[in-house]
Structure formats: structure tokens, C-alpha cells
């Protein structure tokens, strides 16, 4: 018999708990049986249609890092669990609990760059705010290799997406002021580079910076 602790929880830990835990973007937690059980039927519908976990890359075109999509066997497991009444099973059969950093981080950051607070109107035109950019100094005094980057908005309920890139300082750089930018690149969450893959965060006169573009729906994002 398919049970939560033996069969479903390992799938949730690998593919779902990054978002489905307290302090993160999903509206419900899948850390325990008690918080997951009420959503069994909804989970079945979401995995059958592959609406969840969200993953839009076509597997025919290569192998992707951080692929959270479910294998067909994992989908069948969740469907069978929901169809059989979502049994709990023996807690002793549960895998070791995944360890998540505090405050909603996916990876524990060595450095946190705090964004400038931004006020969102209650009813902006068309419920969309223009794509903005915020330049934040990194504080690095020399070129620094970065192996992981994560963006953590303070207001998850109104944040659609935020993008980060590293760019060198220029004489005309304006820091900690929101500006309009005409280019967009979709991207969310955390990206952890595998061994030997990293990103160079440049500095110029000790003033390297992070360019945090945003569809300004969020408030005070932190980058770790």
C-alpha cells in the first residue's frame, strides 16, 4: 500500500518542499502529514496535468540543472495515494527530514544584500507595475567568485519575479534608486552552481554591484 511516510514524503522532499514550506512562496506546507493530507486530491490533479511542480523546459533538448519535474512513476505514486484515501502509514518509514535554512532561505547565504523598500500601490494600472531595476553595491573589495544566488522577497504574495545579474561599476552608476529598464529575463528562486561552475562578481574601485531587475511587485528583496 502506498503511504505518505514511506512513498509520498520522499517525493515531496526532492521536488516540492523547496517552495512548500513555511516562509516560502507556496500557500501551503508539505513538510508534515497533517499539513499535506487536506491537499491530496488537489495534488493528484496538479501532478496528472504536470501543473505542479512547475517546470517548463522540454526534456527532449538536454539535461537541466535543478530539474524539479516528476517522473511518471512519482506521479503514479501520488495518484494512487490520493485515490486510496491518502493513508498516513508508519512514521518510522519516513526519510530523514530535509534540513532547510532559517528565514525561508533555500541555501544558507554567506552574504545578504538588502534591497531598498519599495511601496506598491493598492490598485496599480492593469494590476501591473513597470519593470524596474535597482543597483545595489555588493561591498566586495575584489573580484569574487559566486557559486549560488538566491532572491528572497519580503512580500511573497505580490511578487511575480525578480532577476539578478552582476555588472561592473560605471561612473554614471546610481545606487539604491529604482530605475526603469527595457529588458526582461524570467527567473526565480535559487540557483546553485555545481562543482567547478561559478559566476564572477566584478568590482571596480571596491564598488562591484548587483543589478536586481524586477517587475516591481515586491517589497524590499534580499539577495543572498
Protein backbone atom coordinates (compact mmCIF):
# COMPACT_ATOMS: atom_id res chain seq x y z
CA UNK A 1 0.00 0.00 0.00
CA UNK A 2 1.25 3.46 -0.88
CA UNK A 3 1.56 5.63 2.23
CA UNK A 4 2.59 9.18 2.98
CA UNK A 5 5.66 8.48 5.06
CA UNK A 6 7.08 5.63 3.00
CA UNK A 7 6.28 6.72 -0.55
CA UNK A 8 4.98 10.28 -0.87
CA UNK A 9 7.15 12.22 1.57
CA UNK A 10 10.43 11.33 -0.23
CA UNK A 11 8.96 12.77 -3.45
CA UNK A 12 7.87 15.94 -1.67
CA UNK A 13 11.30 16.42 -0.14
CA UNK A 14 13.03 16.11 -3.50
CA UNK A 15 10.62 18.08 -5.66
CA UNK A 16 8.17 20.18 -3.65
CA UNK A 17 9.39 21.35 -0.26
CA UNK A 18 11.67 24.00 -1.71
CA UNK A 19 8.52 26.09 -2.13
CA UNK A 20 6.00 24.23 0.04
CA UNK A 21 7.31 25.12 3.50
CA UNK A 22 6.75 27.96 5.97
CA UNK A 23 8.20 31.28 4.89
CA UNK A 24 8.36 30.41 1.22
CA UNK A 25 6.33 31.12 -1.89
CA UNK A 26 3.77 28.27 -1.84
CA UNK A 27 0.49 28.87 0.05
CA UNK A 28 0.61 25.56 1.93
CA UNK A 29 3.29 23.45 3.63
CA UNK A 30 4.10 19.87 2.63
CA UNK A 31 6.50 19.19 5.49
CA UNK A 32 4.15 17.02 7.55
CA UNK A 33 1.28 14.61 7.00
CA UNK A 34 -1.10 16.91 8.88
CA UNK A 35 -0.45 19.87 6.58
CA UNK A 36 -0.31 17.77 3.39
CA UNK A 37 -3.31 15.44 3.82
CA UNK A 38 -6.01 18.10 3.13
CA UNK A 39 -4.45 18.72 -0.29
CA UNK A 40 -4.29 15.10 -1.50
CA UNK A 41 -6.96 15.44 -4.21
CA UNK A 42 -5.60 18.78 -5.38
CA UNK A 43 -2.12 17.28 -5.53
CA UNK A 44 -3.40 14.45 -7.70
CA UNK A 45 -4.97 16.87 -10.17
CA UNK A 46 -1.87 19.06 -10.25
CA UNK A 47 0.63 16.26 -10.92
CA UNK A 48 -1.52 14.50 -13.53
CA UNK A 49 -1.59 17.67 -15.62
CA UNK A 50 2.04 18.44 -14.71
CA UNK A 51 0.94 21.82 -13.45
CA UNK A 52 2.98 21.01 -10.38
CA UNK A 53 5.83 21.05 -9.78
CA UNK A 54 6.20 23.91 -12.29
CA UNK A 55 8.80 23.04 -14.91
CA UNK A 56 8.63 24.34 -18.47
CA UNK A 57 11.86 23.14 -20.06
CA UNK A 58 11.48 20.45 -22.73
CA UNK A 59 13.43 17.32 -21.68
CA UNK A 60 13.99 16.47 -25.35
CA UNK A 61 16.54 19.26 -25.53
CA UNK A 62 19.02 18.15 -22.90
CA UNK A 63 19.60 17.77 -19.19
CA UNK A 64 18.77 20.73 -16.97
CA UNK A 65 20.11 21.73 -13.59
CA UNK A 66 17.66 21.76 -10.67
CA UNK A 67 15.01 19.87 -12.65
CA UNK A 68 12.06 19.52 -10.28
CA UNK A 69 9.69 17.78 -12.68
CA UNK A 70 8.24 14.43 -11.62
CA UNK A 71 8.94 11.11 -13.25
CA UNK A 72 5.87 9.17 -14.35
CA UNK A 73 6.40 6.66 -11.53
CA UNK A 74 6.34 9.50 -8.99
CA UNK A 75 3.12 10.86 -10.49
CA UNK A 76 1.55 7.40 -10.32
CA UNK A 77 2.57 7.12 -6.66
CA UNK A 78 0.87 10.38 -5.68
CA UNK A 79 -2.24 9.49 -7.69
CA UNK A 80 -2.51 6.07 -6.05
CA UNK A 81 -2.01 7.60 -2.61
CA UNK A 82 -4.81 10.12 -3.18
CA UNK A 83 -7.17 7.52 -4.69
CA UNK A 84 -6.71 5.23 -1.68
CA UNK A 85 -7.69 7.87 0.86
CA UNK A 86 -4.22 9.36 1.44
CA UNK A 87 -3.12 6.91 4.19
CA UNK A 88 -0.54 8.11 6.67
CA UNK A 89 1.48 4.95 7.17
CA UNK A 90 4.19 4.37 9.76
CA UNK A 91 6.21 7.48 10.72
CA UNK A 92 9.20 5.19 11.27
CA UNK A 93 9.32 4.63 7.50
CA UNK A 94 9.79 8.34 6.79
CA UNK A 95 13.08 9.53 5.30
CA UNK A 96 15.26 11.86 7.37
CA UNK A 97 13.64 15.28 7.43
CA UNK A 98 15.13 17.70 4.93
CA UNK A 99 17.10 20.44 6.66
CA UNK A 100 16.17 23.91 5.44
CA UNK A 101 17.97 27.13 6.45
CA UNK A 102 16.11 29.60 8.65
CA UNK A 103 14.01 32.51 7.41
CA UNK A 104 12.87 30.80 4.22
CA UNK A 105 16.28 30.54 2.52
CA UNK A 106 16.89 27.54 0.28
CA UNK A 107 20.65 27.76 0.77
CA UNK A 108 22.29 29.42 3.77
CA UNK A 109 23.85 32.63 2.43
CA UNK A 110 27.33 33.85 3.34
CA UNK A 111 26.36 37.40 2.40
CA UNK A 112 22.92 39.05 2.23
CA UNK A 113 22.39 42.20 0.17
CA UNK A 114 19.27 44.03 1.32
CA UNK A 115 17.19 45.86 -1.24
CA UNK A 116 15.64 49.28 -0.77
CA UNK A 117 11.99 49.24 0.46
CA UNK A 118 9.51 49.81 -2.35
CA UNK A 119 5.86 50.81 -1.89
CA UNK A 120 3.33 49.10 -4.17
CA UNK A 121 0.05 50.87 -4.89
CA UNK A 122 -3.11 49.08 -3.78
CA UNK A 123 -4.52 49.06 -7.33
CA UNK A 124 -1.88 49.94 -9.94
CA UNK A 125 -2.92 50.39 -13.56
CA UNK A 126 -3.83 46.99 -15.05
CA UNK A 127 -2.52 45.42 -11.80
CA UNK A 128 0.99 45.56 -13.27
CA UNK A 129 3.92 47.78 -12.33
CA UNK A 130 6.56 48.56 -14.94
CA UNK A 131 9.74 46.50 -14.95
CA UNK A 132 12.25 48.30 -12.74
CA UNK A 133 15.91 47.92 -11.92
CA UNK A 134 17.74 48.52 -8.66
CA UNK A 135 21.52 48.71 -8.45
CA UNK A 136 22.89 47.54 -5.11
CA UNK A 137 26.61 47.65 -4.21
CA UNK A 138 28.00 44.24 -3.28
CA UNK A 139 30.56 45.50 -0.82
CA UNK A 140 33.19 43.26 -2.40
CA UNK A 141 36.66 44.84 -2.43
CA UNK A 142 37.94 42.46 -5.10
CA UNK A 143 36.53 40.30 -7.89
CA UNK A 144 34.69 37.44 -6.17
CA UNK A 145 33.52 34.07 -7.47
CA UNK A 146 29.89 33.34 -6.57
CA UNK A 147 28.63 29.73 -6.55
CA UNK A 148 24.98 30.34 -5.61
CA UNK A 149 22.48 33.18 -5.68
CA UNK A 150 19.01 33.32 -4.15
CA UNK A 151 16.42 36.10 -4.13
CA UNK A 152 14.03 36.30 -1.17
CA UNK A 153 11.27 38.93 -1.46
CA UNK A 154 9.79 40.27 1.75
CA UNK A 155 6.26 40.17 0.27
CA UNK A 156 5.75 36.84 -1.47
CA UNK A 157 2.04 37.46 -2.03
CA UNK A 158 2.62 40.29 -4.51
CA UNK A 159 5.97 39.36 -6.05
CA UNK A 160 5.90 37.82 -9.53
CA UNK A 161 9.59 37.52 -10.38
CA UNK A 162 12.95 39.14 -9.79
CA UNK A 163 16.16 38.73 -11.79
CA UNK A 164 19.73 39.33 -10.69
CA UNK A 165 22.90 39.91 -12.68
CA UNK A 166 26.39 41.07 -11.78
CA UNK A 167 27.77 44.09 -13.61
CA UNK A 168 30.87 46.27 -13.08
CA UNK A 169 30.70 49.74 -11.61
CA UNK A 170 30.48 52.70 -14.01
CA UNK A 171 30.99 56.40 -13.30
CA UNK A 172 27.30 57.09 -14.02
CA UNK A 173 26.00 54.32 -11.73
CA UNK A 174 23.16 55.38 -9.41
CA UNK A 175 22.85 53.09 -6.39
CA UNK A 176 19.77 52.16 -4.35
CA UNK A 177 17.37 54.02 -6.64
CA UNK A 178 14.69 52.30 -8.72
CA UNK A 179 15.03 52.94 -12.45
CA UNK A 180 13.04 51.79 -15.48
CA UNK A 181 14.77 49.21 -17.68
CA UNK A 182 13.65 47.93 -21.09
CA UNK A 183 14.95 44.36 -20.97
CA UNK A 184 13.48 41.39 -19.14
CA UNK A 185 14.69 37.92 -18.29
CA UNK A 186 12.47 35.46 -16.49
CA UNK A 187 13.97 33.74 -13.47
CA UNK A 188 13.01 32.99 -9.90
CA UNK A 189 14.21 31.29 -6.77
CA UNK A 190 17.67 29.96 -6.12
CA UNK A 191 20.36 28.76 -8.47
CA UNK A 192 23.18 26.71 -7.00
CA UNK A 193 26.12 26.15 -9.30
CA UNK A 194 27.57 22.62 -9.37
CA UNK A 195 31.21 21.95 -8.64
CA UNK A 196 33.57 23.98 -10.85
CA UNK A 197 30.75 26.22 -12.10
CA UNK A 198 30.61 29.73 -10.73
CA UNK A 199 29.83 33.36 -11.54
CA UNK A 200 32.28 36.24 -11.30
CA UNK A 201 31.00 39.22 -9.31
CA UNK A 202 33.23 42.03 -10.55
CA UNK A 203 34.44 45.04 -8.63
CA UNK A 204 35.78 48.39 -9.72
CA UNK A 205 37.48 50.53 -7.08
CA UNK A 206 35.77 48.34 -4.48
CA UNK A 207 32.34 49.08 -5.90
CA UNK A 208 31.07 45.91 -7.54
CA UNK A 209 27.31 45.86 -7.76
CA UNK A 210 24.30 43.60 -8.18
CA UNK A 211 21.73 44.59 -10.79
CA UNK A 212 18.37 43.42 -9.45
CA UNK A 213 15.73 43.82 -12.13
CA UNK A 214 12.14 43.36 -11.01
CA UNK A 215 8.59 43.55 -12.24
CA UNK A 216 8.25 45.86 -9.30
CA UNK A 217 5.51 43.97 -7.48
CA UNK A 218 7.68 43.03 -4.49
CA UNK A 219 8.89 44.90 -1.46
CA UNK A 220 12.46 45.04 -0.16
CA UNK A 221 14.02 41.92 -1.76
CA UNK A 222 17.06 40.31 -0.19
CA UNK A 223 19.74 38.64 -2.29
CA UNK A 224 21.95 36.00 -0.70
